């Protein structure tokens, strides 16, 4: 588990700005415009 506040961990997993830095191994980046989130049940 991460040693971080629950709200920050949730934000890191649910906002493109955070995911761009979190996703993939060190040194890899993902452009924010390529991240699509749909948090609804059955979403994409």
PDB file of N, CA and C in Angstrom:
ATOM      1  N   UNK A   1       0.834  -1.188   0.000  1.00  0.00           N
ATOM      2  CA  UNK A   1       0.000   0.000   0.000  1.00  0.00           C
ATOM      3  C   UNK A   1       0.878   1.251   0.000  1.00  0.00           C
ATOM      4  N   UNK A   2       0.276   2.344  -0.388  1.00  0.00           N
ATOM      5  CA  UNK A   2       0.980   3.613  -0.418  1.00  0.00           C
ATOM      6  C   UNK A   2       0.837   4.339   0.912  1.00  0.00           C
ATOM      7  N   UNK A   3       1.879   5.011   1.313  1.00  0.00           N
ATOM      8  CA  UNK A   3       1.849   5.810   2.518  1.00  0.00           C
ATOM      9  C   UNK A   3       1.413   7.228   2.138  1.00  0.00           C
ATOM     10  N   UNK A   4       0.110   7.368   1.899  1.00  0.00           N
ATOM     11  CA  UNK A   4      -0.453   8.652   1.458  1.00  0.00           C
ATOM     12  C   UNK A   4      -1.900   8.725   1.927  1.00  0.00           C
ATOM     13  N   UNK A   5      -2.433   9.947   2.035  1.00  0.00           N
ATOM     14  CA  UNK A   5      -3.840  10.079   2.401  1.00  0.00           C
ATOM     15  C   UNK A   5      -4.743   9.406   1.363  1.00  0.00           C
ATOM     16  N   UNK A   6      -5.802   8.806   1.828  1.00  0.00           N
ATOM     17  CA  UNK A   6      -6.744   8.092   0.960  1.00  0.00           C
ATOM     18  C   UNK A   6      -7.243   8.970  -0.181  1.00  0.00           C
ATOM     19  N   UNK A   7      -7.521  10.240   0.113  1.00  0.00           N
ATOM     20  CA  UNK A   7      -8.041  11.146  -0.914  1.00  0.00           C
ATOM     21  C   UNK A   7      -7.025  11.358  -2.041  1.00  0.00           C
ATOM     22  N   UNK A   8      -5.746  11.436  -1.695  1.00  0.00           N
ATOM     23  CA  UNK A   8      -4.703  11.620  -2.702  1.00  0.00           C
ATOM     24  C   UNK A   8      -4.549  10.366  -3.562  1.00  0.00           C
ATOM     25  N   UNK A   9      -4.587   9.200  -2.948  1.00  0.00           N
ATOM     26  CA  UNK A   9      -4.505   7.949  -3.719  1.00  0.00           C
ATOM     27  C   UNK A   9      -5.678   7.859  -4.680  1.00  0.00           C
ATOM     28  N   UNK A  10      -6.876   8.191  -4.225  1.00  0.00           N
ATOM     29  CA  UNK A  10      -8.053   8.174  -5.101  1.00  0.00           C
ATOM     30  C   UNK A  10      -7.867   9.150  -6.254  1.00  0.00           C
ATOM     31  N   UNK A  11      -7.390  10.359  -5.963  1.00  0.00           N
ATOM     32  CA  UNK A  11      -7.164  11.354  -7.016  1.00  0.00           C
ATOM     33  C   UNK A  11      -6.122  10.864  -8.011  1.00  0.00           C
ATOM     34  N   UNK A  12      -5.092  10.199  -7.529  1.00  0.00           N
ATOM     35  CA  UNK A  12      -4.043   9.689  -8.422  1.00  0.00           C
ATOM     36  C   UNK A  12      -4.574   8.626  -9.379  1.00  0.00           C
ATOM     37  N   UNK A  13      -5.583   7.904  -8.963  1.00  0.00           N
ATOM     38  CA  UNK A  13      -6.139   6.846  -9.809  1.00  0.00           C
ATOM     39  C   UNK A  13      -7.318   7.305 -10.662  1.00  0.00           C
ATOM     40  N   UNK A  14      -7.812   8.523 -10.440  1.00  0.00           N
ATOM     41  CA  UNK A  14      -9.043   8.939 -11.118  1.00  0.00           C
ATOM     42  C   UNK A  14      -8.951  10.263 -11.856  1.00  0.00           C
ATOM     43  N   UNK A  15      -7.797  10.906 -11.900  1.00  0.00           N
ATOM     44  CA  UNK A  15      -7.673  12.162 -12.645  1.00  0.00           C
ATOM     45  C   UNK A  15      -6.531  12.054 -13.648  1.00  0.00           C
ATOM     46  N   UNK A  16      -6.765  12.489 -14.876  1.00  0.00           N
ATOM     47  CA  UNK A  16      -5.725  12.384 -15.909  1.00  0.00           C
ATOM     48  C   UNK A  16      -4.414  13.061 -15.523  1.00  0.00           C
ATOM     49  N   UNK A  17      -4.493  14.197 -14.828  1.00  0.00           N
ATOM     50  CA  UNK A  17      -3.271  14.918 -14.452  1.00  0.00           C
ATOM     51  C   UNK A  17      -2.364  14.063 -13.558  1.00  0.00           C
ATOM     52  N   UNK A  18      -2.963  13.328 -12.634  1.00  0.00           N
ATOM     53  CA  UNK A  18      -2.179  12.458 -11.764  1.00  0.00           C
ATOM     54  C   UNK A  18      -1.778  11.175 -12.487  1.00  0.00           C
ATOM     55  N   UNK A  19      -2.697  10.601 -13.242  1.00  0.00           N
ATOM     56  CA  UNK A  19      -2.406   9.351 -13.941  1.00  0.00           C
ATOM     57  C   UNK A  19      -1.256   9.495 -14.929  1.00  0.00           C
ATOM     58  N   UNK A  20      -1.126  10.653 -15.538  1.00  0.00           N
ATOM     59  CA  UNK A  20      -0.042  10.878 -16.499  1.00  0.00           C
ATOM     60  C   UNK A  20       1.323  10.652 -15.849  1.00  0.00           C
ATOM     61  N   UNK A  21       1.425  10.912 -14.548  1.00  0.00           N
ATOM     62  CA  UNK A  21       2.691  10.732 -13.841  1.00  0.00           C
ATOM     63  C   UNK A  21       2.796   9.359 -13.204  1.00  0.00           C
ATOM     64  N   UNK A  22       1.669   8.753 -12.889  1.00  0.00           N
ATOM     65  CA  UNK A  22       1.641   7.499 -12.146  1.00  0.00           C
ATOM     66  C   UNK A  22       1.744   6.281 -13.057  1.00  0.00           C
ATOM     67  N   UNK A  23       1.185   6.365 -14.249  1.00  0.00           N
ATOM     68  CA  UNK A  23       1.038   5.204 -15.125  1.00  0.00           C
ATOM     69  C   UNK A  23       2.363   4.811 -15.754  1.00  0.00           C
ATOM     70  N   UNK A  24       2.702   3.547 -15.703  1.00  0.00           N
ATOM     71  CA  UNK A  24       3.883   3.025 -16.365  1.00  0.00           C
ATOM     72  C   UNK A  24       5.123   3.084 -15.501  1.00  0.00           C
ATOM     73  N   UNK A  25       6.200   2.491 -16.001  1.00  0.00           N
ATOM     74  CA  UNK A  25       7.451   2.472 -15.239  1.00  0.00           C
ATOM     75  C   UNK A  25       8.121   3.841 -15.202  1.00  0.00           C
ATOM     76  N   UNK A  26       9.093   3.990 -14.337  1.00  0.00           N
ATOM     77  CA  UNK A  26       9.832   5.248 -14.217  1.00  0.00           C
ATOM     78  C   UNK A  26      10.425   5.632 -15.568  1.00  0.00           C
ATOM     79  N   UNK A  27      10.317   6.910 -15.893  1.00  0.00           N
ATOM     80  CA  UNK A  27      10.854   7.404 -17.150  1.00  0.00           C
ATOM     81  C   UNK A  27       9.883   7.384 -18.305  1.00  0.00           C
ATOM     82  N   UNK A  28       8.711   6.796 -18.114  1.00  0.00           N
ATOM     83  CA  UNK A  28       7.689   6.730 -19.157  1.00  0.00           C
ATOM     84  C   UNK A  28       6.614   7.759 -18.842  1.00  0.00           C
ATOM     85  N   UNK A  29       6.130   8.457 -19.858  1.00  0.00           N
ATOM     86  CA  UNK A  29       5.049   9.417 -19.635  1.00  0.00           C
ATOM     87  C   UNK A  29       3.900   9.113 -20.583  1.00  0.00           C
ATOM     88  N   UNK A  30       2.722   9.489 -20.166  1.00  0.00           N
ATOM     89  CA  UNK A  30       1.513   9.332 -20.968  1.00  0.00           C
ATOM     90  C   UNK A  30       0.899  10.702 -21.140  1.00  0.00           C
ATOM     91  N   UNK A  31       0.732  11.173 -22.386  1.00  0.00           N
ATOM     92  CA  UNK A  31       0.120  12.489 -22.590  1.00  0.00           C
ATOM     93  C   UNK A  31      -1.301  12.528 -22.022  1.00  0.00           C
ATOM     94  N   UNK A  32      -1.620  13.600 -21.324  1.00  0.00           N
ATOM     95  CA  UNK A  32      -2.938  13.744 -20.702  1.00  0.00           C
ATOM     96  C   UNK A  32      -4.049  13.606 -21.734  1.00  0.00           C
ATOM     97  N   UNK A  33      -3.846  14.125 -22.930  1.00  0.00           N
ATOM     98  CA  UNK A  33      -4.910  14.067 -23.944  1.00  0.00           C
ATOM     99  C   UNK A  33      -5.199  12.641 -24.408  1.00  0.00           C
ATOM    100  N   UNK A  34      -4.342  11.679 -24.080  1.00  0.00           N
ATOM    101  CA  UNK A  34      -4.571  10.276 -24.448  1.00  0.00           C
ATOM    102  C   UNK A  34      -5.247   9.476 -23.334  1.00  0.00           C
ATOM    103  N   UNK A  35      -5.547  10.117 -22.216  1.00  0.00           N
ATOM    104  CA  UNK A  35      -6.160   9.420 -21.087  1.00  0.00           C
ATOM    105  C   UNK A  35      -7.661   9.680 -21.087  1.00  0.00           C
ATOM    106  N   UNK A  36      -8.432   8.602 -21.111  1.00  0.00           N
ATOM    107  CA  UNK A  36      -9.887   8.692 -21.053  1.00  0.00           C
ATOM    108  C   UNK A  36     -10.352   7.922 -19.825  1.00  0.00           C
ATOM    109  N   UNK A  37     -11.140   8.563 -18.986  1.00  0.00           N
ATOM    110  CA  UNK A  37     -11.661   7.926 -17.780  1.00  0.00           C
ATOM    111  C   UNK A  37     -13.175   7.958 -17.793  1.00  0.00           C
ATOM    112  N   UNK A  38     -13.777   6.843 -17.449  1.00  0.00           N
ATOM    113  CA  UNK A  38     -15.224   6.757 -17.268  1.00  0.00           C
ATOM    114  C   UNK A  38     -15.423   5.896 -16.032  1.00  0.00           C
ATOM    115  N   UNK A  39     -15.642   6.541 -14.896  1.00  0.00           N
ATOM    116  CA  UNK A  39     -15.679   5.845 -13.608  1.00  0.00           C
ATOM    117  C   UNK A  39     -17.028   5.204 -13.282  1.00  0.00           C
ATOM    118  N   UNK A  40     -17.967   5.283 -14.204  1.00  0.00           N
ATOM    119  CA  UNK A  40     -19.265   4.665 -13.969  1.00  0.00           C
ATOM    120  C   UNK A  40     -19.153   3.135 -14.056  1.00  0.00           C
ATOM    121  N   UNK A  41     -19.994   2.402 -13.353  1.00  0.00           N
ATOM    122  CA  UNK A  41     -19.991   0.938 -13.517  1.00  0.00           C
ATOM    123  C   UNK A  41     -20.210   0.591 -14.987  1.00  0.00           C
ATOM    124  N   UNK A  42     -19.347  -0.233 -15.514  1.00  0.00           N
ATOM    125  CA  UNK A  42     -19.434  -0.622 -16.920  1.00  0.00           C
ATOM    126  C   UNK A  42     -18.802   0.392 -17.852  1.00  0.00           C
ATOM    127  N   UNK A  43     -18.180   1.440 -17.317  1.00  0.00           N
ATOM    128  CA  UNK A  43     -17.573   2.495 -18.144  1.00  0.00           C
ATOM    129  C   UNK A  43     -16.343   1.980 -18.880  1.00  0.00           C
ATOM    130  N   UNK A  44     -15.815   2.854 -19.730  1.00  0.00           N
ATOM    131  CA  UNK A  44     -14.631   2.446 -20.523  1.00  0.00           C
ATOM    132  C   UNK A  44     -13.358   2.688 -19.751  1.00  0.00           C
TER     133      UNK A  44
END
